[in-house]
Amino acid sequence: MLLNRTKSLFFLMSVLVSWNSYSINLLAWAQTEVNNNQVSSTQMNLTAVEKDPPKRGTPPGKEGTGSRGDCIYQQDKPPLTHIVGGNQSHFSVKDYPTIWVYLPYSAQEVTNAEFSLQDGDTEVYRTHFNLPNKAGIIGITLPSSIPALKVDKKYRWYVDVNCSPNISSDNSSTPASLTGVVQRKLISVELERDLKTAKTPLEKIFVYAKHDIWYEAITELAELRLNEPNNSSFKKVWVELLNTKALSLANISEEPIIVNIILN
C-alpha cells in the first residue's frame, strides 16, 4: 500500500511538471504525505513556475454587480464571486456540469436566489433555489430534466440574489448578480489516456486541470472536501488550485465549502 501511495505521489508531480499553462508547487504537500506514511524518500525536486495563461479575450468579471439596489457589500466577507466560468476556466466535459460560486450571504439575509442558463438570446432554464444557512462556496448542478449541453456551444449562466430589506442598499428590486460561461468539450484522446492512467482521485483532478477542464477539476475536489471536511491534504490542494493564474481566487481560497445543490 505504501509503495502504491508513493507511486501515486510521483505520478501527481509528473503531471504538474508537464502542465504547460500553469503548474502548482505542491512539493511541501507531497513530501508531508510521504513522511506521514513513513516512506523514506530523497528530496523530490519540483520546479513549478507559473506561466501566464493563454490570451483568449476579455473574461467575464469574477465578482458580482455593484449597481444601485444590490445587496450591501459586507466588509468582513469577499464579494459574490464565481470560481469557474471565467475566460480561462469555462470548459467542461459533462452533459450537466456543476457551477461553483462564493456567496457572501446566508438564507437569513436573502428573500430568494435564482439560477438561469442561456443559449445566446434563448433562455434554456430558470429556477429559484434556497441558500444555505451560512455564507460560503456552493455548487449548483444542472438538472438532467433539461437538454444536455451541446458540444462546443458556449452557454451563459446567471446567479441572482435578492437580499432582505435589512441588508439592501435601498428599496429597489435590483438583485446582486453574477454571471459566467460554460462550454462543453468532447473528451480528447489525450485526456482520456491521462484519466485512465490516474490511479487516485487527486491524480484525476490534476489531469483535468492540466487539460484546462476546470469545471470537473473543481467539482471533483470540492466533492472530496465535502465528504472529508477535515482532510488537510484536500484543503491544501484546494487552496493551491484557487491560487493559480487560471483562477486567481486567493481571496476566497480559505472560505468554507457548504453544499452542492442539485437542481430539478
Protein backbone atom coordinates (compact mmCIF):
# COMPACT_ATOMS: atom_id res chain seq x y z
CA MET A 1 0.00 0.00 0.00
CA LEU A 2 2.82 2.39 0.92
CA LEU A 3 4.56 1.66 -2.38
CA ASN A 4 1.38 2.43 -4.30
CA ARG A 5 0.93 5.63 -2.32
CA THR A 6 4.47 6.73 -3.21
CA LYS A 7 3.92 5.92 -6.90
CA SER A 8 0.72 7.92 -6.78
CA LEU A 9 2.52 10.97 -5.43
CA PHE A 10 5.23 10.75 -8.08
CA PHE A 11 2.54 10.49 -10.75
CA LEU A 12 0.84 13.62 -9.42
CA MET A 13 4.11 15.53 -9.56
CA SER A 14 4.90 14.33 -13.09
CA VAL A 15 1.51 15.69 -14.18
CA LEU A 16 2.36 19.03 -12.64
CA VAL A 17 5.77 19.19 -14.31
CA SER A 18 4.12 18.62 -17.69
CA TRP A 19 1.45 21.24 -17.00
CA ASN A 20 2.38 23.77 -19.67
CA SER A 21 -0.12 26.51 -18.92
CA TYR A 22 0.09 26.68 -15.17
CA SER A 23 1.73 24.47 -12.57
CA ILE A 24 1.49 24.30 -8.82
CA ASN A 25 4.24 23.88 -6.28
CA LEU A 26 2.94 21.05 -4.14
CA LEU A 27 6.37 19.81 -3.11
CA ALA A 28 5.76 20.53 0.56
CA TRP A 29 2.40 18.79 0.45
CA ALA A 30 3.78 15.73 -1.35
CA GLN A 31 6.75 15.47 1.00
CA THR A 32 4.44 15.72 4.02
CA GLU A 33 2.26 12.94 2.65
CA VAL A 34 5.27 10.70 2.14
CA ASN A 35 6.56 11.44 5.64
CA ASN A 36 3.16 10.77 7.17
CA ASN A 37 3.20 7.35 5.56
CA GLN A 38 6.72 6.70 6.87
CA VAL A 39 8.12 6.15 3.39
CA SER A 40 11.79 7.04 3.09
CA SER A 41 12.40 9.30 0.13
CA THR A 42 15.08 11.55 -1.22
CA GLN A 43 14.22 15.20 -1.69
CA MET A 44 11.72 15.41 -4.54
CA ASN A 45 12.66 18.39 -6.66
CA LEU A 46 9.77 20.08 -8.38
CA THR A 47 10.41 23.37 -10.11
CA ALA A 48 6.98 24.85 -10.65
CA VAL A 49 6.93 28.17 -12.43
CA GLU A 50 3.50 29.53 -13.25
CA LYS A 51 3.20 30.83 -16.79
CA ASP A 52 0.65 33.34 -17.97
CA PRO A 53 -2.47 31.60 -19.26
CA PRO A 54 -3.19 31.98 -22.98
CA LYS A 55 -4.93 35.17 -24.10
CA ARG A 56 -8.50 34.42 -25.14
CA GLY A 57 -10.20 37.77 -24.97
CA THR A 58 -11.83 39.60 -22.10
CA PRO A 59 -13.28 37.27 -19.46
CA PRO A 60 -16.50 37.94 -17.61
CA GLY A 61 -15.84 39.55 -14.24
CA LYS A 62 -15.36 37.20 -11.30
CA GLU A 63 -17.31 39.39 -8.92
CA GLY A 64 -20.99 40.29 -8.74
CA THR A 65 -22.55 43.55 -9.76
CA GLY A 66 -22.44 46.64 -7.59
CA SER A 67 -25.25 48.64 -9.10
CA ARG A 68 -27.86 50.60 -7.14
CA GLY A 69 -30.28 48.28 -5.38
CA ASP A 70 -27.80 45.43 -4.95
CA CYS A 71 -27.11 43.80 -1.61
CA ILE A 72 -24.87 45.89 0.59
CA TYR A 73 -21.19 44.98 0.37
CA GLN A 74 -20.14 43.33 3.61
CA GLN A 75 -16.71 44.49 4.72
CA ASP A 76 -15.89 41.29 6.58
CA LYS A 77 -16.57 38.98 3.60
CA PRO A 78 -15.34 38.68 0.00
CA PRO A 79 -17.82 39.78 -2.69
CA LEU A 80 -20.11 37.49 -4.66
CA THR A 81 -17.63 35.57 -6.86
CA HIS A 82 -17.62 32.76 -9.42
CA ILE A 83 -14.99 30.02 -9.13
CA VAL A 84 -15.46 28.54 -12.60
CA GLY A 85 -16.93 30.17 -15.67
CA GLY A 86 -14.28 32.79 -16.43
CA ASN A 87 -12.40 33.07 -19.69
CA GLN A 88 -9.68 30.66 -18.56
CA SER A 89 -11.96 28.28 -16.66
CA HIS A 90 -15.11 27.72 -18.72
CA PHE A 91 -14.60 24.20 -20.15
CA SER A 92 -16.47 21.07 -19.07
CA VAL A 93 -16.77 17.55 -20.46
CA LYS A 94 -20.07 16.82 -18.71
CA ASP A 95 -23.61 16.92 -20.09
CA TYR A 96 -24.74 18.57 -16.84
CA PRO A 97 -21.80 20.28 -15.12
CA THR A 98 -21.69 21.85 -11.68
CA ILE A 99 -21.18 25.61 -11.32
CA TRP A 100 -19.28 26.75 -8.22
CA VAL A 101 -19.71 30.20 -6.71
CA TYR A 102 -18.93 32.01 -3.48
CA LEU A 103 -21.98 33.64 -1.87
CA PRO A 104 -21.34 36.08 0.99
CA TYR A 105 -24.97 35.82 2.11
CA SER A 106 -26.89 33.29 4.18
CA ALA A 107 -30.51 32.13 4.00
CA GLN A 108 -31.38 34.62 6.73
CA GLU A 109 -30.14 37.55 4.62
CA VAL A 110 -31.92 36.91 1.32
CA THR A 111 -35.52 36.62 0.21
CA ASN A 112 -34.61 34.24 -2.62
CA ALA A 113 -31.91 33.30 -5.12
CA GLU A 114 -32.33 32.44 -8.78
CA PHE A 115 -30.26 30.48 -11.30
CA SER A 116 -30.70 30.72 -15.06
CA LEU A 117 -28.96 29.34 -18.15
CA GLN A 118 -29.00 30.95 -21.59
CA ASP A 119 -28.02 29.84 -25.09
CA GLY A 120 -27.46 33.17 -26.81
CA ASP A 121 -30.78 35.03 -26.55
CA THR A 122 -32.70 31.85 -25.71
CA GLU A 123 -33.38 31.01 -22.10
CA VAL A 124 -32.75 27.30 -21.53
CA TYR A 125 -33.60 27.09 -17.84
CA ARG A 126 -34.58 29.21 -14.85
CA THR A 127 -35.31 28.25 -11.25
CA HIS A 128 -35.24 29.53 -7.67
CA PHE A 129 -33.11 27.84 -5.02
CA ASN A 130 -32.55 28.18 -1.30
CA LEU A 131 -29.29 29.45 0.11
CA PRO A 132 -27.59 27.53 2.94
CA ASN A 133 -27.68 28.81 6.49
CA LYS A 134 -24.22 30.35 6.30
CA ALA A 135 -22.11 32.14 3.72
CA GLY A 136 -19.61 30.14 1.71
CA ILE A 137 -18.91 28.26 -1.51
CA ILE A 138 -21.76 26.32 -3.10
CA GLY A 139 -22.13 24.10 -6.13
CA ILE A 140 -25.13 24.34 -8.46
CA THR A 141 -25.56 21.22 -10.61
CA LEU A 142 -27.63 21.48 -13.78
CA PRO A 143 -30.68 19.17 -13.76
CA SER A 144 -30.97 16.17 -16.09
CA SER A 145 -34.52 17.33 -16.91
CA ILE A 146 -33.18 19.93 -19.37
CA PRO A 147 -31.42 19.18 -22.68
CA ALA A 148 -27.77 18.21 -22.29
CA LEU A 149 -25.25 20.92 -23.13
CA LYS A 150 -24.28 20.83 -26.80
CA VAL A 151 -20.64 20.23 -27.63
CA ASP A 152 -18.60 23.37 -28.44
CA LYS A 153 -21.51 25.73 -27.72
CA LYS A 154 -21.00 28.49 -25.16
CA TYR A 155 -23.75 28.95 -22.62
CA ARG A 156 -24.03 31.80 -20.14
CA TRP A 157 -25.32 31.24 -16.64
CA TYR A 158 -26.56 33.74 -14.05
CA VAL A 159 -26.95 33.68 -10.28
CA ASP A 160 -29.19 36.45 -8.90
CA VAL A 161 -29.59 37.07 -5.18
CA ASN A 162 -32.47 39.17 -3.84
CA CYS A 163 -31.49 40.46 -0.43
CA SER A 164 -33.73 41.10 2.54
CA PRO A 165 -34.54 44.80 3.18
CA ASN A 166 -32.21 44.95 6.19
CA ILE A 167 -29.09 44.43 4.04
CA SER A 168 -30.28 46.03 0.80
CA SER A 169 -28.88 49.43 -0.14
CA ASP A 170 -32.37 50.75 -0.94
CA ASN A 171 -35.89 49.51 -1.57
CA SER A 172 -35.46 48.75 -5.28
CA SER A 173 -35.63 45.19 -6.58
CA THR A 174 -32.28 45.01 -8.41
CA PRO A 175 -30.57 41.78 -7.29
CA ALA A 176 -26.90 41.11 -6.66
CA SER A 177 -25.96 39.30 -9.87
CA LEU A 178 -23.16 37.03 -11.04
CA THR A 179 -22.55 35.56 -14.49
CA GLY A 180 -20.21 33.05 -16.08
CA VAL A 181 -19.73 30.88 -19.16
CA VAL A 182 -19.73 27.11 -19.62
CA GLN A 183 -18.67 25.32 -22.80
CA ARG A 184 -18.81 21.56 -23.18
CA LYS A 185 -15.95 19.78 -24.93
CA LEU A 186 -15.59 16.21 -26.07
CA ILE A 187 -13.04 14.18 -24.13
CA SER A 188 -9.88 14.26 -26.22
CA VAL A 189 -7.70 11.21 -26.83
CA GLU A 190 -5.01 12.73 -24.63
CA LEU A 191 -7.42 13.49 -21.78
CA GLU A 192 -8.93 10.01 -21.94
CA ARG A 193 -5.46 8.46 -21.84
CA ASP A 194 -4.38 10.56 -18.85
CA LEU A 195 -7.60 9.84 -16.95
CA LYS A 196 -7.08 6.10 -17.45
CA THR A 197 -3.54 6.44 -16.11
CA ALA A 198 -4.68 8.31 -12.99
CA LYS A 199 -4.86 5.96 -10.01
CA THR A 200 -6.33 8.21 -7.31
CA PRO A 201 -8.98 10.95 -7.14
CA LEU A 202 -6.29 13.63 -6.68
CA GLU A 203 -4.43 12.42 -9.76
CA LYS A 204 -7.68 12.65 -11.72
CA ILE A 205 -8.20 16.22 -10.52
CA PHE A 206 -4.77 17.30 -11.71
CA VAL A 207 -5.34 15.62 -15.08
CA TYR A 208 -8.48 17.72 -15.54
CA ALA A 209 -6.59 20.87 -14.54
CA LYS A 210 -3.70 20.04 -16.86
CA HIS A 211 -6.17 19.89 -19.76
CA ASP A 212 -7.98 23.12 -18.70
CA ILE A 213 -11.16 21.24 -17.76
CA TRP A 214 -11.72 23.38 -14.68
CA TYR A 215 -15.40 22.62 -14.07
CA GLU A 216 -14.56 18.97 -13.37
CA ALA A 217 -11.28 19.71 -11.59
CA ILE A 218 -13.07 21.95 -9.11
CA THR A 219 -16.13 19.69 -8.79
CA GLU A 220 -14.10 16.54 -8.09
CA LEU A 221 -12.01 18.31 -5.45
CA ALA A 222 -14.98 20.09 -3.87
CA GLU A 223 -16.78 16.75 -3.51
CA LEU A 224 -13.72 15.25 -1.83
CA ARG A 225 -13.68 18.13 0.63
CA LEU A 226 -17.41 17.86 1.30
CA ASN A 227 -17.01 14.15 2.03
CA GLU A 228 -13.90 14.67 4.18
CA PRO A 229 -14.06 18.24 5.53
CA ASN A 230 -11.19 17.67 7.98
CA ASN A 231 -8.74 16.29 5.40
CA SER A 232 -5.84 18.77 5.42
CA SER A 233 -4.35 17.39 2.20
CA PHE A 234 -7.53 18.07 0.24
CA LYS A 235 -7.68 21.58 1.68
CA LYS A 236 -4.02 22.18 0.73
CA VAL A 237 -4.66 21.21 -2.88
CA TRP A 238 -7.85 23.31 -2.96
CA VAL A 239 -6.02 26.44 -1.81
CA GLU A 240 -3.21 25.85 -4.32
CA LEU A 241 -5.65 25.38 -7.22
CA LEU A 242 -7.59 28.52 -6.40
CA ASN A 243 -4.32 30.46 -6.31
CA THR A 244 -3.29 29.53 -9.86
CA LYS A 245 -3.31 32.25 -12.52
CA ALA A 246 -6.13 30.41 -14.27
CA LEU A 247 -8.42 31.14 -11.32
CA SER A 248 -6.67 33.85 -9.23
CA LEU A 249 -9.03 33.38 -6.30
CA ALA A 250 -6.77 33.80 -3.29
CA ASN A 251 -9.41 35.96 -1.60
CA ILE A 252 -11.87 33.06 -1.29
CA SER A 253 -9.48 30.08 -1.15
CA GLU A 254 -9.96 29.70 2.62
CA GLU A 255 -13.75 30.09 2.56
CA PRO A 256 -15.81 27.01 3.58
CA ILE A 257 -17.43 24.75 1.00
CA ILE A 258 -21.03 24.42 2.14
CA VAL A 259 -23.07 22.27 -0.24
CA ASN A 260 -23.63 21.07 -3.80
CA ILE A 261 -27.21 21.92 -4.78
CA ILE A 262 -28.73 19.51 -7.32
CA LEU A 263 -31.33 21.47 -9.29
CA ASN A 264 -34.51 19.88 -10.59
